[in-house]
């Protein structure tokens, strides 16, 4: 009885293993849909407070030196957003979102503690 059980278990494991080969192809297709997103903040200021939608779907917040860039991976339909507030007493800043090296969205804010915000949906 033990030999029959072991043989059946062995066949089941082999059959399941063969199925995994098929999953490899579909995983590759999903990875092909990943896009490179770059958030950026530029302008004649030294520091900015940035808030952005990260690649996990959450919100990240940082105080950064300008110019600043953040690269992440995004799937089609994923929300992209970036907001930056000037931390200097003068100047202006421009926020931007690029997808696969192509400019997608931009916004500019003028003045001390002004905030620029832009958002969209990936691809």
PDB file of N, CA and C in Angstrom:
ATOM      1  N   UNK A   1       0.828  -1.199   0.000  1.00  0.00           N
ATOM      2  CA  UNK A   1       0.000   0.000   0.000  1.00  0.00           C
ATOM      3  C   UNK A   1       0.864   1.251   0.000  1.00  0.00           C
ATOM      4  N   UNK A   2       1.983   1.225   0.763  1.00  0.00           N
ATOM      5  CA  UNK A   2       2.860   2.381   0.825  1.00  0.00           C
ATOM      6  C   UNK A   2       3.496   2.665  -0.526  1.00  0.00           C
ATOM      7  N   UNK A   3       3.831   1.598  -1.291  1.00  0.00           N
ATOM      8  CA  UNK A   3       4.442   1.784  -2.605  1.00  0.00           C
ATOM      9  C   UNK A   3       3.464   2.452  -3.566  1.00  0.00           C
ATOM     10  N   UNK A   4       2.209   2.074  -3.518  1.00  0.00           N
ATOM     11  CA  UNK A   4       1.190   2.670  -4.382  1.00  0.00           C
ATOM     12  C   UNK A   4       1.002   4.135  -4.025  1.00  0.00           C
ATOM     13  N   UNK A   5       0.968   4.452  -2.743  1.00  0.00           N
ATOM     14  CA  UNK A   5       0.804   5.830  -2.298  1.00  0.00           C
ATOM     15  C   UNK A   5       1.995   6.681  -2.744  1.00  0.00           C
ATOM     16  N   UNK A   6       3.200   6.139  -2.575  1.00  0.00           N
ATOM     17  CA  UNK A   6       4.397   6.877  -2.997  1.00  0.00           C
ATOM     18  C   UNK A   6       4.415   7.085  -4.503  1.00  0.00           C
ATOM     19  N   UNK A   7       4.010   6.077  -5.269  1.00  0.00           N
ATOM     20  CA  UNK A   7       3.968   6.193  -6.721  1.00  0.00           C
ATOM     21  C   UNK A   7       2.950   7.258  -7.131  1.00  0.00           C
ATOM     22  N   UNK A   8       1.779   7.246  -6.516  1.00  0.00           N
ATOM     23  CA  UNK A   8       0.747   8.241  -6.829  1.00  0.00           C
ATOM     24  C   UNK A   8       1.222   9.646  -6.467  1.00  0.00           C
ATOM     25  N   UNK A   9       1.884   9.775  -5.312  1.00  0.00           N
ATOM     26  CA  UNK A   9       2.409  11.078  -4.896  1.00  0.00           C
ATOM     27  C   UNK A   9       3.479  11.561  -5.857  1.00  0.00           C
ATOM     28  N   UNK A  10       4.336  10.649  -6.299  1.00  0.00           N
ATOM     29  CA  UNK A  10       5.396  10.980  -7.240  1.00  0.00           C
ATOM     30  C   UNK A  10       4.811  11.462  -8.564  1.00  0.00           C
ATOM     31  N   UNK A  11       3.789  10.790  -9.057  1.00  0.00           N
ATOM     32  CA  UNK A  11       3.134  11.195 -10.306  1.00  0.00           C
ATOM     33  C   UNK A  11       2.454  12.552 -10.164  1.00  0.00           C
ATOM     34  N   UNK A  12       1.854  12.799  -9.012  1.00  0.00           N
ATOM     35  CA  UNK A  12       1.198  14.083  -8.758  1.00  0.00           C
ATOM     36  C   UNK A  12       2.211  15.220  -8.745  1.00  0.00           C
ATOM     37  N   UNK A  13       3.328  15.002  -8.087  1.00  0.00           N
ATOM     38  CA  UNK A  13       4.374  16.025  -8.039  1.00  0.00           C
ATOM     39  C   UNK A  13       4.929  16.283  -9.426  1.00  0.00           C
ATOM     40  N   UNK A  14       5.158  15.242 -10.200  1.00  0.00           N
ATOM     41  CA  UNK A  14       5.668  15.395 -11.566  1.00  0.00           C
ATOM     42  C   UNK A  14       4.677  16.179 -12.416  1.00  0.00           C
ATOM     43  N   UNK A  15       3.398  15.859 -12.307  1.00  0.00           N
ATOM     44  CA  UNK A  15       2.378  16.552 -13.087  1.00  0.00           C
ATOM     45  C   UNK A  15       2.308  18.025 -12.705  1.00  0.00           C
ATOM     46  N   UNK A  16       2.398  18.316 -11.427  1.00  0.00           N
ATOM     47  CA  UNK A  16       2.366  19.705 -10.980  1.00  0.00           C
ATOM     48  C   UNK A  16       3.605  20.446 -11.439  1.00  0.00           C
ATOM     49  N   UNK A  17       4.737  19.775 -11.407  1.00  0.00           N
ATOM     50  CA  UNK A  17       5.983  20.395 -11.861  1.00  0.00           C
ATOM     51  C   UNK A  17       5.918  20.747 -13.323  1.00  0.00           C
ATOM     52  N   UNK A  18       5.313  19.872 -14.132  1.00  0.00           N
ATOM     53  CA  UNK A  18       5.197  20.148 -15.563  1.00  0.00           C
ATOM     54  C   UNK A  18       4.328  21.376 -15.797  1.00  0.00           C
ATOM     55  N   UNK A  19       3.325  21.555 -14.954  1.00  0.00           N
ATOM     56  CA  UNK A  19       2.465  22.725 -15.090  1.00  0.00           C
ATOM     57  C   UNK A  19       3.210  24.022 -14.822  1.00  0.00           C
ATOM     58  N   UNK A  20       4.222  23.995 -13.978  1.00  0.00           N
ATOM     59  CA  UNK A  20       4.977  25.202 -13.665  1.00  0.00           C
ATOM     60  C   UNK A  20       5.702  25.746 -14.884  1.00  0.00           C
ATOM     61  N   UNK A  21       6.062  24.877 -15.810  1.00  0.00           N
ATOM     62  CA  UNK A  21       6.754  25.347 -17.017  1.00  0.00           C
ATOM     63  C   UNK A  21       5.849  26.304 -17.793  1.00  0.00           C
ATOM     64  N   UNK A  22       4.546  26.033 -17.797  1.00  0.00           N
ATOM     65  CA  UNK A  22       3.617  26.909 -18.496  1.00  0.00           C
ATOM     66  C   UNK A  22       3.526  28.274 -17.823  1.00  0.00           C
ATOM     67  N   UNK A  23       3.640  28.321 -16.490  1.00  0.00           N
ATOM     68  CA  UNK A  23       3.538  29.591 -15.778  1.00  0.00           C
ATOM     69  C   UNK A  23       4.715  30.490 -16.115  1.00  0.00           C
ATOM     70  N   UNK A  24       5.872  29.921 -16.444  1.00  0.00           N
ATOM     71  CA  UNK A  24       7.039  30.740 -16.780  1.00  0.00           C
ATOM     72  C   UNK A  24       6.770  31.641 -17.961  1.00  0.00           C
ATOM     73  N   UNK A  25       6.075  31.136 -18.973  1.00  0.00           N
ATOM     74  CA  UNK A  25       5.789  31.949 -20.156  1.00  0.00           C
ATOM     75  C   UNK A  25       4.845  33.092 -19.838  1.00  0.00           C
ATOM     76  N   UNK A  26       3.807  32.842 -19.036  1.00  0.00           N
ATOM     77  CA  UNK A  26       2.861  33.912 -18.739  1.00  0.00           C
ATOM     78  C   UNK A  26       3.478  34.961 -17.823  1.00  0.00           C
ATOM     79  N   UNK A  27       4.410  34.564 -16.956  1.00  0.00           N
ATOM     80  CA  UNK A  27       5.097  35.533 -16.103  1.00  0.00           C
ATOM     81  C   UNK A  27       5.913  36.490 -16.955  1.00  0.00           C
ATOM     82  N   UNK A  28       6.554  35.977 -17.972  1.00  0.00           N
ATOM     83  CA  UNK A  28       7.345  36.818 -18.867  1.00  0.00           C
ATOM     84  C   UNK A  28       6.452  37.852 -19.554  1.00  0.00           C
ATOM     85  N   UNK A  29       5.245  37.447 -19.947  1.00  0.00           N
ATOM     86  CA  UNK A  29       4.333  38.378 -20.602  1.00  0.00           C
ATOM     87  C   UNK A  29       3.933  39.503 -19.647  1.00  0.00           C
ATOM     88  N   UNK A  30       3.731  39.175 -18.374  1.00  0.00           N
ATOM     89  CA  UNK A  30       3.361  40.203 -17.404  1.00  0.00           C
ATOM     90  C   UNK A  30       4.517  41.168 -17.191  1.00  0.00           C
ATOM     91  N   UNK A  31       5.737  40.658 -17.086  1.00  0.00           N
ATOM     92  CA  UNK A  31       6.906  41.504 -16.875  1.00  0.00           C
ATOM     93  C   UNK A  31       7.087  42.463 -18.043  1.00  0.00           C
ATOM     94  N   UNK A  32       6.719  42.060 -19.244  1.00  0.00           N
ATOM     95  CA  UNK A  32       6.862  42.910 -20.421  1.00  0.00           C
ATOM     96  C   UNK A  32       5.986  44.160 -20.322  1.00  0.00           C
ATOM     97  N   UNK A  33       4.934  44.132 -19.510  1.00  0.00           N
ATOM     98  CA  UNK A  33       4.042  45.278 -19.353  1.00  0.00           C
ATOM     99  C   UNK A  33       4.534  46.288 -18.319  1.00  0.00           C
ATOM    100  N   UNK A  34       5.658  46.035 -17.679  1.00  0.00           N
ATOM    101  CA  UNK A  34       6.198  46.948 -16.680  1.00  0.00           C
ATOM    102  C   UNK A  34       6.848  48.137 -17.389  1.00  0.00           C
ATOM    103  N   UNK A  35       6.558  49.335 -16.890  1.00  0.00           N
ATOM    104  CA  UNK A  35       7.112  50.567 -17.461  1.00  0.00           C
ATOM    105  C   UNK A  35       7.997  51.267 -16.436  1.00  0.00           C
ATOM    106  N   UNK A  36       8.998  51.977 -16.931  1.00  0.00           N
ATOM    107  CA  UNK A  36       9.891  52.736 -16.065  1.00  0.00           C
ATOM    108  C   UNK A  36       9.332  54.150 -15.928  1.00  0.00           C
ATOM    109  N   UNK A  37       9.042  54.534 -14.687  1.00  0.00           N
ATOM    110  CA  UNK A  37       8.514  55.860 -14.389  1.00  0.00           C
ATOM    111  C   UNK A  37       9.590  56.643 -13.645  1.00  0.00           C
ATOM    112  N   UNK A  38       9.785  57.893 -14.043  1.00  0.00           N
ATOM    113  CA  UNK A  38      10.721  58.766 -13.345  1.00  0.00           C
ATOM    114  C   UNK A  38       9.972  60.010 -12.900  1.00  0.00           C
ATOM    115  N   UNK A  39       9.966  60.240 -11.583  1.00  0.00           N
ATOM    116  CA  UNK A  39       9.446  61.478 -11.010  1.00  0.00           C
ATOM    117  C   UNK A  39      10.631  62.428 -10.894  1.00  0.00           C
ATOM    118  N   UNK A  40      10.400  63.727 -11.133  1.00  0.00           N
ATOM    119  CA  UNK A  40      11.493  64.689 -11.007  1.00  0.00           C
ATOM    120  C   UNK A  40      10.998  66.024 -10.452  1.00  0.00           C
ATOM    121  N   UNK A  41      11.926  66.717  -9.771  1.00  0.00           N
ATOM    122  CA  UNK A  41      11.689  68.077  -9.283  1.00  0.00           C
ATOM    123  C   UNK A  41      12.905  68.893  -9.697  1.00  0.00           C
ATOM    124  N   UNK A  42      12.654  70.016 -10.363  1.00  0.00           N
ATOM    125  CA  UNK A  42      13.731  70.891 -10.827  1.00  0.00           C
ATOM    126  C   UNK A  42      13.376  72.333 -10.524  1.00  0.00           C
ATOM    127  N   UNK A  43      14.375  73.180 -10.527  1.00  0.00           N
ATOM    128  CA  UNK A  43      14.159  74.612 -10.345  1.00  0.00           C
ATOM    129  C   UNK A  43      15.292  75.243  -9.561  1.00  0.00           C
ATOM    130  N   UNK A  44      15.307  76.585  -9.526  1.00  0.00           N
ATOM    131  CA  UNK A  44      16.372  77.302  -8.818  1.00  0.00           C
ATOM    132  C   UNK A  44      16.095  77.400  -7.314  1.00  0.00           C
ATOM    133  N   UNK A  45      15.882  76.247  -6.695  1.00  0.00           N
ATOM    134  CA  UNK A  45      15.671  76.180  -5.250  1.00  0.00           C
ATOM    135  C   UNK A  45      16.608  75.101  -4.707  1.00  0.00           C
ATOM    136  N   UNK A  46      16.794  75.078  -3.395  1.00  0.00           N
ATOM    137  CA  UNK A  46      17.711  74.085  -2.830  1.00  0.00           C
ATOM    138  C   UNK A  46      17.005  72.849  -2.285  1.00  0.00           C
ATOM    139  N   UNK A  47      15.794  73.031  -1.707  1.00  0.00           N
ATOM    140  CA  UNK A  47      15.106  71.899  -1.074  1.00  0.00           C
ATOM    141  C   UNK A  47      13.611  71.941  -1.361  1.00  0.00           C
ATOM    142  N   UNK A  48      13.025  70.741  -1.348  1.00  0.00           N
ATOM    143  CA  UNK A  48      11.585  70.622  -1.556  1.00  0.00           C
ATOM    144  C   UNK A  48      11.055  69.464  -0.713  1.00  0.00           C
ATOM    145  N   UNK A  49       9.799  69.570  -0.335  1.00  0.00           N
ATOM    146  CA  UNK A  49       9.096  68.478   0.320  1.00  0.00           C
ATOM    147  C   UNK A  49       8.301  67.773  -0.772  1.00  0.00           C
ATOM    148  N   UNK A  50       8.574  66.492  -1.001  1.00  0.00           N
ATOM    149  CA  UNK A  50       7.879  65.757  -2.068  1.00  0.00           C
ATOM    150  C   UNK A  50       6.982  64.674  -1.474  1.00  0.00           C
ATOM    151  N   UNK A  51       5.856  64.478  -2.141  1.00  0.00           N
ATOM    152  CA  UNK A  51       4.914  63.412  -1.808  1.00  0.00           C
ATOM    153  C   UNK A  51       4.589  62.734  -3.128  1.00  0.00           C
ATOM    154  N   UNK A  52       4.733  61.395  -3.178  1.00  0.00           N
ATOM    155  CA  UNK A  52       4.499  60.698  -4.437  1.00  0.00           C
ATOM    156  C   UNK A  52       3.904  59.310  -4.211  1.00  0.00           C
ATOM    157  N   UNK A  53       3.209  58.842  -5.250  1.00  0.00           N
ATOM    158  CA  UNK A  53       2.653  57.490  -5.251  1.00  0.00           C
ATOM    159  C   UNK A  53       3.810  56.553  -5.578  1.00  0.00           C
ATOM    160  N   UNK A  54       4.124  55.616  -4.665  1.00  0.00           N
ATOM    161  CA  UNK A  54       5.260  54.733  -4.894  1.00  0.00           C
ATOM    162  C   UNK A  54       4.850  53.481  -5.672  1.00  0.00           C
ATOM    163  N   UNK A  55       5.837  52.642  -5.971  1.00  0.00           N
ATOM    164  CA  UNK A  55       5.564  51.464  -6.792  1.00  0.00           C
ATOM    165  C   UNK A  55       4.833  50.357  -6.040  1.00  0.00           C
ATOM    166  N   UNK A  56       4.596  50.530  -4.748  1.00  0.00           N
ATOM    167  CA  UNK A  56       3.802  49.581  -3.970  1.00  0.00           C
ATOM    168  C   UNK A  56       2.344  50.038  -3.845  1.00  0.00           C
ATOM    169  N   UNK A  57       2.018  51.199  -4.440  1.00  0.00           N
ATOM    170  CA  UNK A  57       0.660  51.719  -4.371  1.00  0.00           C
ATOM    171  C   UNK A  57       0.422  52.617  -3.180  1.00  0.00           C
ATOM    172  N   UNK A  58       1.440  52.810  -2.365  1.00  0.00           N
ATOM    173  CA  UNK A  58       1.322  53.674  -1.196  1.00  0.00           C
ATOM    174  C   UNK A  58       1.831  55.073  -1.477  1.00  0.00           C
ATOM    175  N   UNK A  59       1.847  55.891  -0.440  1.00  0.00           N
ATOM    176  CA  UNK A  59       2.308  57.266  -0.539  1.00  0.00           C
ATOM    177  C   UNK A  59       3.632  57.389   0.212  1.00  0.00           C
ATOM    178  N   UNK A  60       4.620  58.000  -0.428  1.00  0.00           N
ATOM    179  CA  UNK A  60       5.910  58.268   0.213  1.00  0.00           C
ATOM    180  C   UNK A  60       6.092  59.769   0.323  1.00  0.00           C
ATOM    181  N   UNK A  61       6.772  60.201   1.378  1.00  0.00           N
ATOM    182  CA  UNK A  61       7.035  61.623   1.599  1.00  0.00           C
ATOM    183  C   UNK A  61       8.493  61.786   2.019  1.00  0.00           C
ATOM    184  N   UNK A  62       9.157  62.784   1.427  1.00  0.00           N
ATOM    185  CA  UNK A  62      10.566  63.041   1.725  1.00  0.00           C
ATOM    186  C   UNK A  62      10.854  64.533   1.600  1.00  0.00           C
ATOM    187  N   UNK A  63      11.867  64.986   2.319  1.00  0.00           N
ATOM    188  CA  UNK A  63      12.462  66.301   2.081  1.00  0.00           C
ATOM    189  C   UNK A  63      13.715  66.009   1.263  1.00  0.00           C
ATOM    190  N   UNK A  64      13.825  66.647   0.082  1.00  0.00           N
ATOM    191  CA  UNK A  64      14.903  66.308  -0.844  1.00  0.00           C
ATOM    192  C   UNK A  64      15.673  67.550  -1.286  1.00  0.00           C
ATOM    193  N   UNK A  65      16.888  67.324  -1.749  1.00  0.00           N
ATOM    194  CA  UNK A  65      17.668  68.378  -2.404  1.00  0.00           C
ATOM    195  C   UNK A  65      17.243  68.432  -3.860  1.00  0.00           C
ATOM    196  N   UNK A  66      17.180  69.638  -4.399  1.00  0.00           N
ATOM    197  CA  UNK A  66      16.761  69.837  -5.790  1.00  0.00           C
ATOM    198  C   UNK A  66      17.997  70.169  -6.627  1.00  0.00           C
ATOM    199  N   UNK A  67      18.184  69.558  -7.799  1.00  0.00           N
ATOM    200  CA  UNK A  67      17.244  68.686  -8.517  1.00  0.00           C
ATOM    201  C   UNK A  67      17.156  67.306  -7.870  1.00  0.00           C
ATOM    202  N   UNK A  68      15.992  66.646  -8.093  1.00  0.00           N
ATOM    203  CA  UNK A  68      15.717  65.342  -7.513  1.00  0.00           C
ATOM    204  C   UNK A  68      15.013  64.470  -8.535  1.00  0.00           C
ATOM    205  N   UNK A  69      15.316  63.170  -8.502  1.00  0.00           N
ATOM    206  CA  UNK A  69      14.623  62.194  -9.339  1.00  0.00           C
ATOM    207  C   UNK A  69      14.382  60.920  -8.544  1.00  0.00           C
ATOM    208  N   UNK A  70      13.289  60.245  -8.869  1.00  0.00           N
ATOM    209  CA  UNK A  70      12.963  58.948  -8.274  1.00  0.00           C
ATOM    210  C   UNK A  70      12.468  58.046  -9.393  1.00  0.00           C
ATOM    211  N   UNK A  71      13.121  56.902  -9.572  1.00  0.00           N
ATOM    212  CA  UNK A  71      12.723  55.946 -10.606  1.00  0.00           C
ATOM    213  C   UNK A  71      11.996  54.782  -9.959  1.00  0.00           C
ATOM    214  N   UNK A  72      10.907  54.327 -10.605  1.00  0.00           N
ATOM    215  CA  UNK A  72      10.176  53.175 -10.120  1.00  0.00           C
ATOM    216  C   UNK A  72       9.539  52.433 -11.274  1.00  0.00           C
ATOM    217  N   UNK A  73       9.071  51.242 -10.995  1.00  0.00           N
ATOM    218  CA  UNK A  73       8.386  50.428 -11.999  1.00  0.00           C
ATOM    219  C   UNK A  73       6.880  50.590 -11.829  1.00  0.00           C
ATOM    220  N   UNK A  74       6.152  50.623 -12.944  1.00  0.00           N
ATOM    221  CA  UNK A  74       4.697  50.767 -12.886  1.00  0.00           C
ATOM    222  C   UNK A  74       4.040  49.877 -13.932  1.00  0.00           C
ATOM    223  N   UNK A  75       2.860  49.393 -13.585  1.00  0.00           N
ATOM    224  CA  UNK A  75       2.062  48.564 -14.474  1.00  0.00           C
ATOM    225  C   UNK A  75       0.981  49.427 -15.133  1.00  0.00           C
ATOM    226  N   UNK A  76       0.482  49.029 -16.286  1.00  0.00           N
ATOM    227  CA  UNK A  76      -0.617  49.768 -16.909  1.00  0.00           C
ATOM    228  C   UNK A  76      -1.795  49.893 -15.936  1.00  0.00           C
ATOM    229  N   UNK A  77      -2.360  51.079 -15.864  1.00  0.00           N
ATOM    230  CA  UNK A  77      -3.492  51.345 -14.981  1.00  0.00           C
ATOM    231  C   UNK A  77      -3.101  51.838 -13.602  1.00  0.00           C
ATOM    232  N   UNK A  78      -1.811  51.785 -13.278  1.00  0.00           N
ATOM    233  CA  UNK A  78      -1.348  52.231 -11.958  1.00  0.00           C
ATOM    234  C   UNK A  78      -1.401  53.751 -11.861  1.00  0.00           C
ATOM    235  N   UNK A  79      -1.851  54.267 -10.725  1.00  0.00           N
ATOM    236  CA  UNK A  79      -1.912  55.712 -10.495  1.00  0.00           C
ATOM    237  C   UNK A  79      -0.506  56.248 -10.265  1.00  0.00           C
ATOM    238  N   UNK A  80      -0.220  57.369 -10.913  1.00  0.00           N
ATOM    239  CA  UNK A  80       1.050  58.073 -10.742  1.00  0.00           C
ATOM    240  C   UNK A  80       0.736  59.473 -10.225  1.00  0.00           C
ATOM    241  N   UNK A  81       1.420  59.904  -9.182  1.00  0.00           N
ATOM    242  CA  UNK A  81       1.208  61.266  -8.693  1.00  0.00           C
ATOM    243  C   UNK A  81       2.460  61.776  -8.015  1.00  0.00           C
ATOM    244  N   UNK A  82       2.680  63.069  -8.167  1.00  0.00           N
ATOM    245  CA  UNK A  82       3.833  63.737  -7.569  1.00  0.00           C
ATOM    246  C   UNK A  82       3.431  65.148  -7.188  1.00  0.00           C
ATOM    247  N   UNK A  83       3.777  65.515  -5.958  1.00  0.00           N
ATOM    248  CA  UNK A  83       3.541  66.863  -5.462  1.00  0.00           C
ATOM    249  C   UNK A  83       4.816  67.316  -4.767  1.00  0.00           C
ATOM    250  N   UNK A  84       5.219  68.556  -5.000  1.00  0.00           N
ATOM    251  CA  UNK A  84       6.411  69.087  -4.340  1.00  0.00           C
ATOM    252  C   UNK A  84       6.142  70.506  -3.869  1.00  0.00           C
ATOM    253  N   UNK A  85       6.593  70.790  -2.658  1.00  0.00           N
ATOM    254  CA  UNK A  85       6.457  72.134  -2.085  1.00  0.00           C
ATOM    255  C   UNK A  85       7.841  72.738  -1.936  1.00  0.00           C
ATOM    256  N   UNK A  86       8.004  73.957  -2.451  1.00  0.00           N
ATOM    257  CA  UNK A  86       9.244  74.710  -2.318  1.00  0.00           C
ATOM    258  C   UNK A  86       9.510  74.969  -0.834  1.00  0.00           C
ATOM    259  N   UNK A  87      10.697  74.648  -0.361  1.00  0.00           N
ATOM    260  CA  UNK A  87      11.051  74.876   1.040  1.00  0.00           C
ATOM    261  C   UNK A  87      11.922  76.125   1.208  1.00  0.00           C
ATOM    262  N   UNK A  88      12.174  76.839   0.101  1.00  0.00           N
ATOM    263  CA  UNK A  88      12.965  78.074   0.146  1.00  0.00           C
ATOM    264  C   UNK A  88      12.050  79.292   0.258  1.00  0.00           C
ATOM    265  N   UNK A  89      12.638  80.437   0.584  1.00  0.00           N
ATOM    266  CA  UNK A  89      11.856  81.666   0.750  1.00  0.00           C
ATOM    267  C   UNK A  89      11.599  82.382  -0.571  1.00  0.00           C
ATOM    268  N   UNK A  90      12.089  81.836  -1.675  1.00  0.00           N
ATOM    269  CA  UNK A  90      11.846  82.409  -3.007  1.00  0.00           C
ATOM    270  C   UNK A  90      12.086  81.314  -4.045  1.00  0.00           C
ATOM    271  N   UNK A  91      11.831  81.651  -5.307  1.00  0.00           N
ATOM    272  CA  UNK A  91      12.114  80.712  -6.393  1.00  0.00           C
ATOM    273  C   UNK A  91      10.875  80.027  -6.931  1.00  0.00           C
ATOM    274  N   UNK A  92      11.118  79.054  -7.784  1.00  0.00           N
ATOM    275  CA  UNK A  92      10.025  78.270  -8.358  1.00  0.00           C
ATOM    276  C   UNK A  92      10.508  76.829  -8.546  1.00  0.00           C
ATOM    277  N   UNK A  93       9.561  75.932  -8.756  1.00  0.00           N
ATOM    278  CA  UNK A  93       9.913  74.537  -9.013  1.00  0.00           C
ATOM    279  C   UNK A  93       8.978  73.949 -10.048  1.00  0.00           C
ATOM    280  N   UNK A  94       9.487  72.932 -10.739  1.00  0.00           N
ATOM    281  CA  UNK A  94       8.702  72.198 -11.720  1.00  0.00           C
ATOM    282  C   UNK A  94       8.773  70.729 -11.371  1.00  0.00           C
ATOM    283  N   UNK A  95       7.610  70.084 -11.297  1.00  0.00           N
ATOM    284  CA  UNK A  95       7.544  68.645 -11.086  1.00  0.00           C
ATOM    285  C   UNK A  95       7.219  67.980 -12.417  1.00  0.00           C
ATOM    286  N   UNK A  96       7.728  66.784 -12.601  1.00  0.00           N
ATOM    287  CA  UNK A  96       7.468  66.077 -13.849  1.00  0.00           C
ATOM    288  C   UNK A  96       7.370  64.582 -13.649  1.00  0.00           C
ATOM    289  N   UNK A  97       6.607  63.957 -14.537  1.00  0.00           N
ATOM    290  CA  UNK A  97       6.507  62.502 -14.589  1.00  0.00           C
ATOM    291  C   UNK A  97       6.870  62.085 -16.012  1.00  0.00           C
ATOM    292  N   UNK A  98       7.814  61.159 -16.148  1.00  0.00           N
ATOM    293  CA  UNK A  98       8.175  60.599 -17.446  1.00  0.00           C
ATOM    294  C   UNK A  98       7.917  59.100 -17.401  1.00  0.00           C
ATOM    295  N   UNK A  99       7.423  58.558 -18.516  1.00  0.00           N
ATOM    296  CA  UNK A  99       7.183  57.121 -18.632  1.00  0.00           C
ATOM    297  C   UNK A  99       8.025  56.597 -19.780  1.00  0.00           C
ATOM    298  N   UNK A 100       8.876  55.637 -19.494  1.00  0.00           N
ATOM    299  CA  UNK A 100       9.764  55.042 -20.489  1.00  0.00           C
ATOM    300  C   UNK A 100      10.552  56.111 -21.252  1.00  0.00           C
ATOM    301  N   UNK A 101      11.007  57.121 -20.527  1.00  0.00           N
ATOM    302  CA  UNK A 101      11.838  58.166 -21.118  1.00  0.00           C
ATOM    303  C   UNK A 101      11.094  59.259 -21.850  1.00  0.00           C
ATOM    304  N   UNK A 102       9.773  59.218 -21.854  1.00  0.00           N
ATOM    305  CA  UNK A 102       8.962  60.224 -22.555  1.00  0.00           C
ATOM    306  C   UNK A 102       8.209  61.057 -21.521  1.00  0.00           C
ATOM    307  N   UNK A 103       8.331  62.383 -21.633  1.00  0.00           N
ATOM    308  CA  UNK A 103       7.645  63.278 -20.706  1.00  0.00           C
ATOM    309  C   UNK A 103       6.135  63.046 -20.790  1.00  0.00           C
ATOM    310  N   UNK A 104       5.502  62.884 -19.630  1.00  0.00           N
ATOM    311  CA  UNK A 104       4.080  62.582 -19.567  1.00  0.00           C
ATOM    312  C   UNK A 104       3.279  63.730 -18.956  1.00  0.00           C
ATOM    313  N   UNK A 105       3.707  64.238 -17.815  1.00  0.00           N
ATOM    314  CA  UNK A 105       2.999  65.328 -17.129  1.00  0.00           C
ATOM    315  C   UNK A 105       4.008  66.267 -16.489  1.00  0.00           C
ATOM    316  N   UNK A 106       3.650  67.563 -16.406  1.00  0.00           N
ATOM    317  CA  UNK A 106       4.476  68.569 -15.722  1.00  0.00           C
ATOM    318  C   UNK A 106       3.576  69.622 -15.092  1.00  0.00           C
ATOM    319  N   UNK A 107       4.111  70.237 -14.029  1.00  0.00           N
ATOM    320  CA  UNK A 107       3.429  71.375 -13.396  1.00  0.00           C
ATOM    321  C   UNK A 107       4.489  72.240 -12.738  1.00  0.00           C
ATOM    322  N   UNK A 108       4.220  73.546 -12.677  1.00  0.00           N
ATOM    323  CA  UNK A 108       5.170  74.506 -12.097  1.00  0.00           C
ATOM    324  C   UNK A 108       4.456  75.344 -11.042  1.00  0.00           C
ATOM    325  N   UNK A 109       5.201  75.687  -9.990  1.00  0.00           N
ATOM    326  CA  UNK A 109       4.683  76.570  -8.941  1.00  0.00           C
ATOM    327  C   UNK A 109       5.715  77.658  -8.676  1.00  0.00           C
ATOM    328  N   UNK A 110       5.242  78.892  -8.473  1.00  0.00           N
ATOM    329  CA  UNK A 110       6.106  80.044  -8.261  1.00  0.00           C
ATOM    330  C   UNK A 110       5.984  80.553  -6.836  1.00  0.00           C
ATOM    331  N   UNK A 111       7.140  80.860  -6.213  1.00  0.00           N
ATOM    332  CA  UNK A 111       7.126  81.528  -4.919  1.00  0.00           C
ATOM    333  C   UNK A 111       7.520  80.651  -3.750  1.00  0.00           C
ATOM    334  N   UNK A 112       7.693  81.340  -2.633  1.00  0.00           N
ATOM    335  CA  UNK A 112       8.068  80.661  -1.395  1.00  0.00           C
ATOM    336  C   UNK A 112       6.978  79.701  -0.953  1.00  0.00           C
ATOM    337  N   UNK A 113       7.336  78.496  -0.640  1.00  0.00           N
ATOM    338  CA  UNK A 113       6.432  77.450  -0.127  1.00  0.00           C
ATOM    339  C   UNK A 113       5.281  77.108  -1.062  1.00  0.00           C
ATOM    340  N   UNK A 114       5.426  77.465  -2.349  1.00  0.00           N
ATOM    341  CA  UNK A 114       4.400  77.102  -3.344  1.00  0.00           C
ATOM    342  C   UNK A 114       4.490  75.602  -3.648  1.00  0.00           C
ATOM    343  N   UNK A 115       3.346  75.034  -4.032  1.00  0.00           N
ATOM    344  CA  UNK A 115       3.280  73.597  -4.298  1.00  0.00           C
ATOM    345  C   UNK A 115       2.824  73.335  -5.732  1.00  0.00           C
ATOM    346  N   UNK A 116       3.546  72.432  -6.417  1.00  0.00           N
ATOM    347  CA  UNK A 116       3.171  71.991  -7.752  1.00  0.00           C
ATOM    348  C   UNK A 116       2.774  70.524  -7.652  1.00  0.00           C
ATOM    349  N   UNK A 117       1.685  70.162  -8.330  1.00  0.00           N
ATOM    350  CA  UNK A 117       1.175  68.801  -8.278  1.00  0.00           C
ATOM    351  C   UNK A 117       0.800  68.338  -9.677  1.00  0.00           C
ATOM    352  N   UNK A 118       1.113  67.082  -9.974  1.00  0.00           N
ATOM    353  CA  UNK A 118       0.690  66.474 -11.235  1.00  0.00           C
ATOM    354  C   UNK A 118       0.377  65.012 -10.993  1.00  0.00           C
ATOM    355  N   UNK A 119      -0.535  64.467 -11.794  1.00  0.00           N
ATOM    356  CA  UNK A 119      -0.937  63.084 -11.608  1.00  0.00           C
ATOM    357  C   UNK A 119      -1.485  62.526 -12.927  1.00  0.00           C
ATOM    358  N   UNK A 120      -1.517  61.216 -13.007  1.00  0.00           N
ATOM    359  CA  UNK A 120      -2.055  60.549 -14.177  1.00  0.00           C
ATOM    360  C   UNK A 120      -2.116  59.054 -13.930  1.00  0.00           C
ATOM    361  N   UNK A 121      -2.376  58.310 -15.003  1.00  0.00           N
ATOM    362  CA  UNK A 121      -2.435  56.854 -14.928  1.00  0.00           C
ATOM    363  C   UNK A 121      -1.439  56.282 -15.921  1.00  0.00           C
ATOM    364  N   UNK A 122      -0.692  55.307 -15.453  1.00  0.00           N
ATOM    365  CA  UNK A 122       0.342  54.724 -16.294  1.00  0.00           C
ATOM    366  C   UNK A 122      -0.242  54.082 -17.541  1.00  0.00           C
ATOM    367  N   UNK A 123       0.314  54.415 -18.637  1.00  0.00           N
ATOM    368  CA  UNK A 123       0.224  53.747 -19.920  1.00  0.00           C
ATOM    369  C   UNK A 123      -1.161  53.443 -20.390  1.00  0.00           C
TER     370      UNK A 123
END
